[in-house]
Amino acid sequence: MNNMNQMMKQVKKMQEQMLKAQEELGSKTVEGSAGGGVVTVQVNGHKKVLSLTIKPEAVDPDDVEMLQDLVLTAVNDALNKAEELANQDMGKFTGGMKIPGLF
């Protein structure tokens, strides 16, 4: 019975550490870019877009599709980096296993 109590304490501690790590992801940011930095996107560890910056030289009224492509590329780059950040931070709790719905 004592072993079971000890194990439950360890599980509870690990849950608390995981929750704290998930909360901390919200304060961590990554940046994605496209076109050599003419479009940049900042995303937090919860995959929320915090900012989008478009430099004037990226805007060509005759080539709107190019700007759209740059924005999509930058957003996807930032989201991929946020995913990597989450996997890195939370992977220490899961041993690298992907657990659906955990993060």
C-alpha atoms as a PDB file:
ATOM      1  CA  MET A   1       0.000   0.000   0.000  1.00  0.00           C
ATOM      2  CA  ASN A   2       2.867   2.363   0.797  1.00  0.00           C
ATOM      3  CA  ASN A   3       4.339   1.788  -2.666  1.00  0.00           C
ATOM      4  CA  MET A   4       0.984   2.678  -4.219  1.00  0.00           C
ATOM      5  CA  ASN A   5       0.814   5.945  -2.264  1.00  0.00           C
ATOM      6  CA  GLN A   6       4.357   6.808  -3.289  1.00  0.00           C
ATOM      7  CA  MET A   7       3.554   6.067  -6.923  1.00  0.00           C
ATOM      8  CA  MET A   8       0.415   8.220  -6.791  1.00  0.00           C
ATOM      9  CA  LYS A   9       2.457  11.095  -5.342  1.00  0.00           C
ATOM     10  CA  GLN A  10       4.953  10.746  -8.181  1.00  0.00           C
ATOM     11  CA  VAL A  11       2.162  10.714 -10.769  1.00  0.00           C
ATOM     12  CA  LYS A  12       0.598  13.810  -9.237  1.00  0.00           C
ATOM     13  CA  LYS A  13       3.971  15.589  -9.211  1.00  0.00           C
ATOM     14  CA  MET A  14       4.543  14.705 -12.858  1.00  0.00           C
ATOM     15  CA  GLN A  15       1.062  15.999 -13.771  1.00  0.00           C
ATOM     16  CA  GLU A  16       1.809  19.275 -12.010  1.00  0.00           C
ATOM     17  CA  GLN A  17       5.127  19.573 -13.844  1.00  0.00           C
ATOM     18  CA  MET A  18       3.414  18.893 -17.181  1.00  0.00           C
ATOM     19  CA  LEU A  19       0.758  21.525 -16.509  1.00  0.00           C
ATOM     20  CA  LYS A  20       3.439  24.038 -15.587  1.00  0.00           C
ATOM     21  CA  ALA A  21       5.386  23.223 -18.755  1.00  0.00           C
ATOM     22  CA  GLN A  22       2.242  23.653 -20.867  1.00  0.00           C
ATOM     23  CA  GLU A  23       1.573  27.033 -19.254  1.00  0.00           C
ATOM     24  CA  GLU A  24       5.172  28.109 -19.856  1.00  0.00           C
ATOM     25  CA  LEU A  25       4.785  27.320 -23.563  1.00  0.00           C
ATOM     26  CA  GLY A  26       2.376  30.246 -23.748  1.00  0.00           C
ATOM     27  CA  SER A  27       5.148  32.654 -22.810  1.00  0.00           C
ATOM     28  CA  LYS A  28       7.713  31.209 -25.214  1.00  0.00           C
ATOM     29  CA  THR A  29       7.813  32.569 -28.748  1.00  0.00           C
ATOM     30  CA  VAL A  30       9.230  31.494 -32.074  1.00  0.00           C
ATOM     31  CA  GLU A  31       9.486  33.389 -35.326  1.00  0.00           C
ATOM     32  CA  GLY A  32       8.917  32.205 -38.857  1.00  0.00           C
ATOM     33  CA  SER A  33       9.870  34.116 -41.961  1.00  0.00           C
ATOM     34  CA  ALA A  34       9.708  34.079 -45.729  1.00  0.00           C
ATOM     35  CA  GLY A  35      11.309  35.953 -48.588  1.00  0.00           C
ATOM     36  CA  GLY A  36      14.538  36.533 -46.742  1.00  0.00           C
ATOM     37  CA  GLY A  37      12.723  38.154 -43.827  1.00  0.00           C
ATOM     38  CA  VAL A  38      10.370  40.493 -45.708  1.00  0.00           C
ATOM     39  CA  VAL A  39       7.478  38.667 -44.014  1.00  0.00           C
ATOM     40  CA  THR A  40       7.845  37.528 -40.402  1.00  0.00           C
ATOM     41  CA  VAL A  41       5.385  35.909 -38.044  1.00  0.00           C
ATOM     42  CA  GLN A  42       5.752  35.521 -34.302  1.00  0.00           C
ATOM     43  CA  VAL A  43       3.884  32.628 -32.646  1.00  0.00           C
ATOM     44  CA  ASN A  44       3.785  31.474 -29.034  1.00  0.00           C
ATOM     45  CA  GLY A  45       4.139  27.897 -27.838  1.00  0.00           C
ATOM     46  CA  HIS A  46       0.360  27.512 -27.856  1.00  0.00           C
ATOM     47  CA  LYS A  47       0.439  28.134 -31.625  1.00  0.00           C
ATOM     48  CA  LYS A  48      -1.249  31.527 -31.408  1.00  0.00           C
ATOM     49  CA  VAL A  49      -0.078  34.152 -33.883  1.00  0.00           C
ATOM     50  CA  LEU A  50       1.191  37.145 -31.908  1.00  0.00           C
ATOM     51  CA  SER A  51       2.391  39.363 -34.727  1.00  0.00           C
ATOM     52  CA  LEU A  52       2.746  39.563 -38.485  1.00  0.00           C
ATOM     53  CA  THR A  53       5.208  41.979 -40.061  1.00  0.00           C
ATOM     54  CA  ILE A  54       5.314  42.768 -43.762  1.00  0.00           C
ATOM     55  CA  LYS A  55       8.100  45.011 -44.993  1.00  0.00           C
ATOM     56  CA  PRO A  56       7.114  47.560 -47.665  1.00  0.00           C
ATOM     57  CA  GLU A  57       9.298  45.926 -50.303  1.00  0.00           C
ATOM     58  CA  ALA A  58       7.123  42.785 -50.064  1.00  0.00           C
ATOM     59  CA  VAL A  59       4.048  44.692 -51.252  1.00  0.00           C
ATOM     60  CA  ASP A  60       3.577  44.747 -55.006  1.00  0.00           C
ATOM     61  CA  PRO A  61       0.009  45.658 -56.051  1.00  0.00           C
ATOM     62  CA  ASP A  62       0.586  43.830 -59.325  1.00  0.00           C
ATOM     63  CA  ASP A  63       1.587  40.596 -57.580  1.00  0.00           C
ATOM     64  CA  VAL A  64      -0.781  40.007 -54.658  1.00  0.00           C
ATOM     65  CA  GLU A  65      -0.368  36.235 -55.004  1.00  0.00           C
ATOM     66  CA  MET A  66       3.326  36.540 -54.153  1.00  0.00           C
ATOM     67  CA  LEU A  67       2.500  38.357 -50.903  1.00  0.00           C
ATOM     68  CA  GLN A  68      -0.131  35.741 -50.059  1.00  0.00           C
ATOM     69  CA  ASP A  69       2.425  32.978 -50.623  1.00  0.00           C
ATOM     70  CA  LEU A  70       4.982  34.774 -48.445  1.00  0.00           C
ATOM     71  CA  VAL A  71       2.469  35.179 -45.614  1.00  0.00           C
ATOM     72  CA  LEU A  72       1.421  31.511 -45.793  1.00  0.00           C
ATOM     73  CA  THR A  73       5.028  30.368 -45.856  1.00  0.00           C
ATOM     74  CA  ALA A  74       5.962  32.534 -42.858  1.00  0.00           C
ATOM     75  CA  VAL A  75       2.915  31.421 -40.844  1.00  0.00           C
ATOM     76  CA  ASN A  76       3.557  27.751 -41.576  1.00  0.00           C
ATOM     77  CA  ASP A  77       7.240  28.171 -40.718  1.00  0.00           C
ATOM     78  CA  ALA A  78       6.354  29.737 -37.363  1.00  0.00           C
ATOM     79  CA  LEU A  79       3.716  27.094 -36.578  1.00  0.00           C
ATOM     80  CA  ASN A  80       6.175  24.299 -37.380  1.00  0.00           C
ATOM     81  CA  LYS A  81       8.710  25.883 -35.030  1.00  0.00           C
ATOM     82  CA  ALA A  82       6.043  26.178 -32.312  1.00  0.00           C
ATOM     83  CA  GLU A  83       5.236  22.485 -32.780  1.00  0.00           C
ATOM     84  CA  GLU A  84       8.929  21.617 -32.449  1.00  0.00           C
ATOM     85  CA  LEU A  85       9.147  23.761 -29.309  1.00  0.00           C
ATOM     86  CA  ALA A  86       6.145  21.989 -27.766  1.00  0.00           C
ATOM     87  CA  ASN A  87       7.531  18.574 -28.670  1.00  0.00           C
ATOM     88  CA  GLN A  88      10.884  19.477 -27.185  1.00  0.00           C
ATOM     89  CA  ASP A  89       9.462  20.887 -23.946  1.00  0.00           C
ATOM     90  CA  MET A  90       6.811  18.229 -23.407  1.00  0.00           C
ATOM     91  CA  GLY A  91       8.833  15.332 -24.809  1.00  0.00           C
ATOM     92  CA  LYS A  92      10.818  15.113 -21.590  1.00  0.00           C
ATOM     93  CA  PHE A  93       7.615  13.955 -19.871  1.00  0.00           C
ATOM     94  CA  THR A  94       6.519  11.498 -22.532  1.00  0.00           C
ATOM     95  CA  GLY A  95       9.875  10.073 -23.476  1.00  0.00           C
ATOM     96  CA  GLY A  96       9.319  11.224 -27.057  1.00  0.00           C
ATOM     97  CA  MET A  97       5.995   9.406 -27.427  1.00  0.00           C
ATOM     98  CA  LYS A  98       3.262  11.362 -29.188  1.00  0.00           C
ATOM     99  CA  ILE A  99       0.231  11.229 -26.917  1.00  0.00           C
ATOM    100  CA  PRO A 100      -2.868  12.640 -28.674  1.00  0.00           C
ATOM    101  CA  GLY A 101      -4.465  15.564 -26.883  1.00  0.00           C
ATOM    102  CA  LEU A 102      -1.596  16.017 -24.453  1.00  0.00           C
ATOM    103  CA  PHE A 103      -0.062  19.023 -26.222  1.00  0.00           C
END
